[in-house]
Amino acid sequence: MKKEIKEKMFKKALEAQKNAYVPYSDFPLGAAVLMEDGSIYTGVNIENASFGLTNCAERSAIFTAVSQGKRKIEALLIVSSTEKPVTPCGPCRQVISEFADGEIEIIMMTEEGKELTMTNTELLPGAFNDSAMEKNNEL
């Protein structure tokens, strides 16, 4: 990924992080998703008192892009306020897999710029996908 695109994504995710709604965990996350046409969408985590209805920053960003007609993710960047970068949760990994355009970079960063980069297939090997639903599915 080009350095200037990653920097732009980082800035957008960091700015979005300020809008996180985290009254229960005080764990704000911001995400920026790069789509195949070069557009970037952001998202934040949004908590709910029932916890199960909480939505993660990654899914918020992806769902915003999808709601605008975008379908293929090129890269995803997540910003956390932690000492070390955090990885996406299981449900987010599955949603990333659904819309990833092949193998993509998932860049996890702290507000201070510490970085960990992995691919979607490293984060979720053997992801459930549309081919799993075929009757003649072979392992």
N, C-alpha and C. Protein backbone atom coordinates (compact mmCIF):
# COMPACT_ATOMS: atom_id res chain seq x y z
N MET A 1 0.84 -1.18 0.00
CA MET A 1 0.00 0.00 0.00
C MET A 1 0.89 1.24 0.00
N LYS A 2 0.47 2.22 -0.76
CA LYS A 2 1.23 3.47 -0.81
C LYS A 2 1.17 4.18 0.53
N LYS A 3 2.30 4.76 0.91
CA LYS A 3 2.42 5.44 2.19
C LYS A 3 1.39 6.55 2.35
N GLU A 4 1.16 7.33 1.31
CA GLU A 4 0.22 8.46 1.41
C GLU A 4 -1.22 7.99 1.60
N ILE A 5 -1.58 6.85 1.03
CA ILE A 5 -2.93 6.30 1.24
C ILE A 5 -3.08 5.83 2.67
N LYS A 6 -2.06 5.13 3.18
CA LYS A 6 -2.11 4.66 4.57
C LYS A 6 -2.19 5.86 5.52
N GLU A 7 -1.43 6.90 5.26
CA GLU A 7 -1.47 8.09 6.12
C GLU A 7 -2.85 8.74 6.09
N LYS A 8 -3.46 8.79 4.91
CA LYS A 8 -4.80 9.37 4.78
C LYS A 8 -5.81 8.53 5.55
N MET A 9 -5.71 7.21 5.44
CA MET A 9 -6.60 6.32 6.17
C MET A 9 -6.42 6.49 7.67
N PHE A 10 -5.16 6.59 8.11
CA PHE A 10 -4.88 6.75 9.53
C PHE A 10 -5.52 8.04 10.06
N LYS A 11 -5.34 9.13 9.34
CA LYS A 11 -5.91 10.41 9.76
C LYS A 11 -7.43 10.35 9.83
N LYS A 12 -8.04 9.73 8.84
CA LYS A 12 -9.50 9.61 8.82
C LYS A 12 -10.01 8.74 9.97
N ALA A 13 -9.32 7.63 10.24
CA ALA A 13 -9.72 6.74 11.33
C ALA A 13 -9.53 7.43 12.68
N LEU A 14 -8.44 8.16 12.83
CA LEU A 14 -8.16 8.89 14.06
C LEU A 14 -9.21 9.97 14.31
N GLU A 15 -9.59 10.67 13.26
CA GLU A 15 -10.62 11.70 13.38
C GLU A 15 -11.98 11.07 13.72
N ALA A 16 -12.30 9.98 13.04
CA ALA A 16 -13.56 9.29 13.29
C ALA A 16 -13.63 8.76 14.73
N GLN A 17 -12.49 8.29 15.24
CA GLN A 17 -12.43 7.71 16.58
C GLN A 17 -13.03 8.65 17.64
N LYS A 18 -12.93 9.94 17.41
CA LYS A 18 -13.46 10.93 18.35
C LYS A 18 -14.98 10.81 18.50
N ASN A 19 -15.63 10.21 17.51
CA ASN A 19 -17.09 10.06 17.54
C ASN A 19 -17.57 8.73 18.09
N ALA A 20 -16.64 7.90 18.55
CA ALA A 20 -17.03 6.61 19.12
C ALA A 20 -17.97 6.83 20.30
N TYR A 21 -18.97 5.97 20.39
CA TYR A 21 -19.93 6.02 21.50
C TYR A 21 -19.61 4.84 22.41
N VAL A 22 -18.82 5.10 23.47
CA VAL A 22 -18.31 4.03 24.31
C VAL A 22 -18.50 4.33 25.81
N PRO A 23 -19.74 4.59 26.25
CA PRO A 23 -19.95 4.95 27.65
C PRO A 23 -19.72 3.79 28.63
N TYR A 24 -19.68 2.56 28.15
CA TYR A 24 -19.54 1.41 29.03
C TYR A 24 -18.11 0.90 29.10
N SER A 25 -17.43 0.85 27.98
CA SER A 25 -16.07 0.30 27.95
C SER A 25 -14.98 1.37 27.98
N ASP A 26 -15.31 2.58 27.56
CA ASP A 26 -14.31 3.64 27.38
C ASP A 26 -13.16 3.11 26.52
N PHE A 27 -13.51 2.41 25.45
CA PHE A 27 -12.54 1.77 24.54
C PHE A 27 -12.84 2.24 23.11
N PRO A 28 -12.52 3.50 22.78
CA PRO A 28 -12.86 4.03 21.47
C PRO A 28 -11.99 3.47 20.35
N LEU A 29 -12.63 3.09 19.27
CA LEU A 29 -11.93 2.63 18.07
C LEU A 29 -12.42 3.43 16.88
N GLY A 30 -11.52 3.64 15.94
CA GLY A 30 -11.88 4.25 14.67
C GLY A 30 -11.39 3.35 13.57
N ALA A 31 -12.11 3.31 12.46
CA ALA A 31 -11.70 2.47 11.33
C ALA A 31 -11.87 3.24 10.04
N ALA A 32 -11.02 2.92 9.09
CA ALA A 32 -11.13 3.46 7.74
C ALA A 32 -10.98 2.30 6.77
N VAL A 33 -11.93 2.20 5.87
CA VAL A 33 -11.90 1.11 4.89
C VAL A 33 -11.71 1.71 3.50
N LEU A 34 -10.72 1.18 2.79
CA LEU A 34 -10.43 1.59 1.42
C LEU A 34 -11.13 0.64 0.46
N MET A 35 -11.97 1.20 -0.40
CA MET A 35 -12.70 0.38 -1.34
C MET A 35 -11.98 0.34 -2.69
N GLU A 36 -12.39 -0.58 -3.56
CA GLU A 36 -11.67 -0.80 -4.81
C GLU A 36 -11.63 0.42 -5.72
N ASP A 37 -12.58 1.34 -5.58
CA ASP A 37 -12.58 2.55 -6.41
C ASP A 37 -11.76 3.68 -5.80
N GLY A 38 -11.08 3.41 -4.67
CA GLY A 38 -10.25 4.42 -4.01
C GLY A 38 -10.97 5.24 -2.95
N SER A 39 -12.28 5.04 -2.82
CA SER A 39 -13.02 5.78 -1.79
C SER A 39 -12.69 5.21 -0.41
N ILE A 40 -12.76 6.08 0.60
CA ILE A 40 -12.48 5.68 1.97
C ILE A 40 -13.69 6.02 2.82
N TYR A 41 -14.15 5.03 3.59
CA TYR A 41 -15.27 5.21 4.51
C TYR A 41 -14.78 4.96 5.92
N THR A 42 -15.36 5.68 6.87
CA THR A 42 -14.94 5.52 8.26
C THR A 42 -16.07 4.95 9.10
N GLY A 43 -15.69 4.45 10.27
CA GLY A 43 -16.66 3.94 11.22
C GLY A 43 -16.07 3.98 12.62
N VAL A 44 -16.94 3.90 13.59
CA VAL A 44 -16.55 3.87 15.00
C VAL A 44 -17.32 2.77 15.71
N ASN A 45 -16.85 2.40 16.89
CA ASN A 45 -17.64 1.46 17.67
C ASN A 45 -18.75 2.23 18.38
N ILE A 46 -19.91 1.58 18.42
CA ILE A 46 -21.11 2.17 19.00
C ILE A 46 -21.69 1.16 19.97
N GLU A 47 -21.61 1.50 21.26
CA GLU A 47 -22.06 0.57 22.29
C GLU A 47 -23.54 0.74 22.60
N ASN A 48 -24.06 -0.28 23.28
CA ASN A 48 -25.45 -0.30 23.70
C ASN A 48 -25.50 -0.94 25.08
N ALA A 49 -26.41 -0.50 25.92
CA ALA A 49 -26.50 -1.04 27.27
C ALA A 49 -26.70 -2.56 27.28
N SER A 50 -27.28 -3.11 26.21
CA SER A 50 -27.47 -4.56 26.16
C SER A 50 -26.25 -5.29 25.62
N PHE A 51 -25.16 -4.59 25.37
CA PHE A 51 -23.88 -5.11 24.88
C PHE A 51 -23.97 -5.93 23.60
N GLY A 52 -24.89 -6.86 23.50
CA GLY A 52 -25.02 -7.69 22.30
C GLY A 52 -25.38 -6.86 21.06
N LEU A 53 -25.93 -5.70 21.27
CA LEU A 53 -26.31 -4.83 20.15
C LEU A 53 -25.23 -3.81 19.81
N THR A 54 -24.07 -3.92 20.44
CA THR A 54 -22.94 -3.06 20.14
C THR A 54 -22.44 -3.36 18.74
N ASN A 55 -21.96 -2.33 18.04
CA ASN A 55 -21.38 -2.52 16.72
C ASN A 55 -19.94 -2.02 16.73
N CYS A 56 -19.06 -2.78 16.10
CA CYS A 56 -17.65 -2.45 16.07
C CYS A 56 -17.33 -1.41 14.99
N ALA A 57 -16.20 -0.75 15.14
CA ALA A 57 -15.78 0.28 14.19
C ALA A 57 -15.58 -0.29 12.79
N GLU A 58 -14.99 -1.48 12.72
CA GLU A 58 -14.72 -2.09 11.42
C GLU A 58 -16.01 -2.34 10.65
N ARG A 59 -16.98 -2.95 11.35
CA ARG A 59 -18.26 -3.24 10.70
C ARG A 59 -19.02 -1.96 10.38
N SER A 60 -18.93 -0.96 11.25
CA SER A 60 -19.59 0.32 10.96
C SER A 60 -19.05 0.91 9.66
N ALA A 61 -17.73 0.89 9.48
CA ALA A 61 -17.12 1.44 8.26
C ALA A 61 -17.52 0.63 7.03
N ILE A 62 -17.45 -0.70 7.15
CA ILE A 62 -17.78 -1.57 6.02
C ILE A 62 -19.26 -1.42 5.66
N PHE A 63 -20.14 -1.43 6.65
CA PHE A 63 -21.57 -1.32 6.38
C PHE A 63 -21.91 0.03 5.75
N THR A 64 -21.20 1.08 6.15
CA THR A 64 -21.42 2.40 5.53
C THR A 64 -21.04 2.34 4.05
N ALA A 65 -19.90 1.74 3.75
CA ALA A 65 -19.47 1.62 2.36
C ALA A 65 -20.46 0.79 1.55
N VAL A 66 -20.88 -0.34 2.10
CA VAL A 66 -21.83 -1.21 1.40
C VAL A 66 -23.15 -0.49 1.18
N SER A 67 -23.58 0.31 2.16
CA SER A 67 -24.85 1.04 2.01
C SER A 67 -24.77 2.10 0.91
N GLN A 68 -23.55 2.43 0.50
CA GLN A 68 -23.35 3.38 -0.58
C GLN A 68 -23.06 2.68 -1.91
N GLY A 69 -23.27 1.37 -1.94
CA GLY A 69 -23.11 0.61 -3.17
C GLY A 69 -21.73 0.03 -3.41
N LYS A 70 -20.82 0.19 -2.47
CA LYS A 70 -19.47 -0.36 -2.62
C LYS A 70 -19.47 -1.81 -2.13
N ARG A 71 -18.68 -2.65 -2.78
CA ARG A 71 -18.72 -4.07 -2.43
C ARG A 71 -17.34 -4.72 -2.21
N LYS A 72 -16.28 -4.09 -2.66
CA LYS A 72 -14.97 -4.73 -2.59
C LYS A 72 -13.98 -3.90 -1.78
N ILE A 73 -13.52 -4.49 -0.67
CA ILE A 73 -12.53 -3.84 0.20
C ILE A 73 -11.14 -4.09 -0.36
N GLU A 74 -10.34 -3.03 -0.39
CA GLU A 74 -8.92 -3.14 -0.76
C GLU A 74 -8.03 -3.22 0.47
N ALA A 75 -8.41 -2.49 1.54
CA ALA A 75 -7.62 -2.47 2.78
C ALA A 75 -8.49 -1.92 3.90
N LEU A 76 -8.08 -2.22 5.13
CA LEU A 76 -8.79 -1.73 6.30
C LEU A 76 -7.76 -1.29 7.33
N LEU A 77 -8.00 -0.14 7.96
CA LEU A 77 -7.12 0.36 9.00
C LEU A 77 -7.94 0.63 10.25
N ILE A 78 -7.42 0.18 11.40
CA ILE A 78 -8.10 0.34 12.69
C ILE A 78 -7.18 1.11 13.63
N VAL A 79 -7.74 2.10 14.34
CA VAL A 79 -6.97 2.87 15.32
C VAL A 79 -7.55 2.62 16.70
N SER A 80 -6.65 2.33 17.65
CA SER A 80 -7.06 2.12 19.04
C SER A 80 -6.31 3.08 19.96
N SER A 81 -6.86 3.27 21.14
CA SER A 81 -6.23 4.12 22.14
C SER A 81 -5.41 3.29 23.13
N THR A 82 -5.01 2.13 22.71
CA THR A 82 -4.26 1.20 23.56
C THR A 82 -2.76 1.35 23.36
N GLU A 83 -1.99 0.67 24.20
CA GLU A 83 -0.53 0.71 24.08
C GLU A 83 -0.05 -0.08 22.86
N LYS A 84 -0.75 -1.19 22.58
CA LYS A 84 -0.41 -2.03 21.43
C LYS A 84 -1.60 -2.08 20.49
N PRO A 85 -1.38 -2.28 19.20
CA PRO A 85 -2.50 -2.39 18.25
C PRO A 85 -3.43 -3.54 18.62
N VAL A 86 -4.71 -3.39 18.32
CA VAL A 86 -5.68 -4.45 18.57
C VAL A 86 -6.17 -5.03 17.24
N THR A 87 -6.48 -6.30 17.28
CA THR A 87 -6.97 -6.99 16.09
C THR A 87 -8.50 -6.97 16.07
N PRO A 88 -9.09 -7.15 14.90
CA PRO A 88 -10.56 -7.22 14.81
C PRO A 88 -11.11 -8.45 15.55
N CYS A 89 -12.32 -8.33 16.07
CA CYS A 89 -12.98 -9.46 16.72
C CYS A 89 -13.41 -10.48 15.66
N GLY A 90 -13.88 -11.61 16.09
CA GLY A 90 -14.31 -12.67 15.18
C GLY A 90 -15.39 -12.25 14.19
N PRO A 91 -16.50 -11.66 14.67
CA PRO A 91 -17.53 -11.23 13.71
C PRO A 91 -17.00 -10.23 12.68
N CYS A 92 -16.13 -9.33 13.11
CA CYS A 92 -15.56 -8.36 12.15
C CYS A 92 -14.69 -9.08 11.12
N ARG A 93 -13.94 -10.07 11.56
CA ARG A 93 -13.10 -10.82 10.63
C ARG A 93 -13.96 -11.50 9.56
N GLN A 94 -15.10 -12.02 9.96
CA GLN A 94 -15.99 -12.67 9.00
C GLN A 94 -16.58 -11.65 8.02
N VAL A 95 -16.97 -10.49 8.50
CA VAL A 95 -17.52 -9.44 7.62
C VAL A 95 -16.43 -8.94 6.67
N ILE A 96 -15.22 -8.76 7.17
CA ILE A 96 -14.10 -8.37 6.31
C ILE A 96 -13.94 -9.39 5.19
N SER A 97 -13.97 -10.66 5.56
CA SER A 97 -13.82 -11.74 4.59
C SER A 97 -14.89 -11.69 3.50
N GLU A 98 -16.11 -11.36 3.90
CA GLU A 98 -17.22 -11.29 2.94
C GLU A 98 -16.98 -10.26 1.85
N PHE A 99 -16.37 -9.13 2.21
CA PHE A 99 -16.23 -8.04 1.26
C PHE A 99 -14.79 -7.79 0.81
N ALA A 100 -13.84 -8.61 1.26
CA ALA A 100 -12.45 -8.46 0.84
C ALA A 100 -12.31 -8.79 -0.63
N ASP A 101 -11.52 -7.99 -1.31
CA ASP A 101 -11.23 -8.26 -2.71
C ASP A 101 -9.98 -9.11 -2.77
N GLY A 102 -10.14 -10.41 -2.52
CA GLY A 102 -8.99 -11.32 -2.42
C GLY A 102 -8.30 -11.13 -1.08
N GLU A 103 -7.00 -11.28 -1.09
CA GLU A 103 -6.24 -11.09 0.15
C GLU A 103 -5.93 -9.60 0.29
N ILE A 104 -6.30 -9.03 1.44
CA ILE A 104 -6.11 -7.60 1.66
C ILE A 104 -5.33 -7.36 2.95
N GLU A 105 -4.79 -6.15 3.06
CA GLU A 105 -4.08 -5.75 4.27
C GLU A 105 -5.06 -5.24 5.32
N ILE A 106 -4.85 -5.70 6.55
CA ILE A 106 -5.55 -5.16 7.70
C ILE A 106 -4.46 -4.50 8.54
N ILE A 107 -4.54 -3.19 8.66
CA ILE A 107 -3.52 -2.41 9.37
C ILE A 107 -4.10 -2.00 10.71
N MET A 108 -3.47 -2.43 11.78
CA MET A 108 -3.92 -2.12 13.12
C MET A 108 -2.90 -1.17 13.74
N MET A 109 -3.37 0.00 14.19
CA MET A 109 -2.46 1.02 14.69
C MET A 109 -2.94 1.59 16.02
N THR A 110 -2.01 2.14 16.75
CA THR A 110 -2.35 2.89 17.95
C THR A 110 -2.40 4.37 17.58
N GLU A 111 -2.95 5.17 18.47
CA GLU A 111 -2.99 6.62 18.22
C GLU A 111 -1.58 7.18 18.03
N GLU A 112 -0.59 6.56 18.67
CA GLU A 112 0.79 7.01 18.56
C GLU A 112 1.50 6.49 17.33
N GLY A 113 0.85 5.63 16.55
CA GLY A 113 1.43 5.16 15.31
C GLY A 113 2.09 3.79 15.36
N LYS A 114 2.03 3.09 16.50
CA LYS A 114 2.53 1.71 16.52
C LYS A 114 1.65 0.90 15.58
N GLU A 115 2.27 -0.01 14.85
CA GLU A 115 1.54 -0.67 13.76
C GLU A 115 1.77 -2.17 13.74
N LEU A 116 0.71 -2.88 13.40
CA LEU A 116 0.75 -4.31 13.13
C LEU A 116 -0.09 -4.53 11.87
N THR A 117 0.50 -5.17 10.87
CA THR A 117 -0.23 -5.43 9.63
C THR A 117 -0.29 -6.93 9.38
N MET A 118 -1.49 -7.39 9.08
CA MET A 118 -1.72 -8.79 8.73
C MET A 118 -2.70 -8.81 7.55
N THR A 119 -2.83 -9.95 6.92
CA THR A 119 -3.83 -10.07 5.87
C THR A 119 -5.11 -10.64 6.47
N ASN A 120 -6.20 -10.50 5.72
CA ASN A 120 -7.47 -11.06 6.17
C ASN A 120 -7.39 -12.58 6.29
N THR A 121 -6.63 -13.23 5.43
CA THR A 121 -6.53 -14.69 5.50
C THR A 121 -5.65 -15.14 6.66
N GLU A 122 -4.72 -14.31 7.11
CA GLU A 122 -3.96 -14.62 8.32
C GLU A 122 -4.86 -14.49 9.55
N LEU A 123 -5.72 -13.49 9.54
CA LEU A 123 -6.61 -13.25 10.68
C LEU A 123 -7.75 -14.26 10.75
N LEU A 124 -8.18 -14.77 9.60
CA LEU A 124 -9.28 -15.73 9.60
C LEU A 124 -9.04 -16.80 8.53
N PRO A 125 -8.12 -17.73 8.83
CA PRO A 125 -7.90 -18.81 7.87
C PRO A 125 -9.14 -19.69 7.79
N GLY A 126 -9.43 -20.17 6.61
CA GLY A 126 -10.58 -21.05 6.43
C GLY A 126 -11.91 -20.35 6.64
N ALA A 127 -11.98 -19.07 6.29
CA ALA A 127 -13.21 -18.29 6.49
C ALA A 127 -14.39 -18.94 5.79
N PHE A 128 -15.55 -18.85 6.42
CA PHE A 128 -16.78 -19.32 5.81
C PHE A 128 -17.13 -18.35 4.68
N ASN A 129 -17.38 -18.89 3.48
CA ASN A 129 -17.74 -18.02 2.36
C ASN A 129 -18.80 -18.68 1.50
N ASP A 130 -19.14 -18.03 0.41
CA ASP A 130 -20.24 -18.52 -0.43
C ASP A 130 -19.98 -19.92 -1.00
N SER A 131 -18.71 -20.27 -1.23
CA SER A 131 -18.42 -21.60 -1.78
C SER A 131 -18.77 -22.70 -0.77
N ALA A 132 -18.77 -22.38 0.52
CA ALA A 132 -19.11 -23.37 1.55
C ALA A 132 -20.56 -23.80 1.46
N MET A 133 -21.39 -23.00 0.80
CA MET A 133 -22.82 -23.31 0.71
C MET A 133 -23.18 -24.13 -0.52
N GLU A 134 -22.16 -24.40 -1.35
CA GLU A 134 -22.42 -25.22 -2.54
C GLU A 134 -22.59 -26.67 -2.13
N LYS A 135 -23.49 -27.38 -2.81
CA LYS A 135 -23.80 -28.77 -2.47
C LYS A 135 -22.58 -29.68 -2.67
N ASN A 136 -21.76 -29.39 -3.67
CA ASN A 136 -20.59 -30.22 -3.94
C ASN A 136 -19.33 -29.59 -3.39
N ASN A 137 -19.43 -28.98 -2.25
CA ASN A 137 -18.31 -28.32 -1.63
C ASN A 137 -17.23 -29.33 -1.27
N GLU A 138 -16.00 -29.08 -1.75
CA GLU A 138 -14.87 -29.94 -1.41
C GLU A 138 -13.92 -29.17 -0.52
N LEU A 139 -13.36 -29.86 0.45
CA LEU A 139 -12.38 -29.23 1.35
C LEU A 139 -11.04 -29.07 0.69
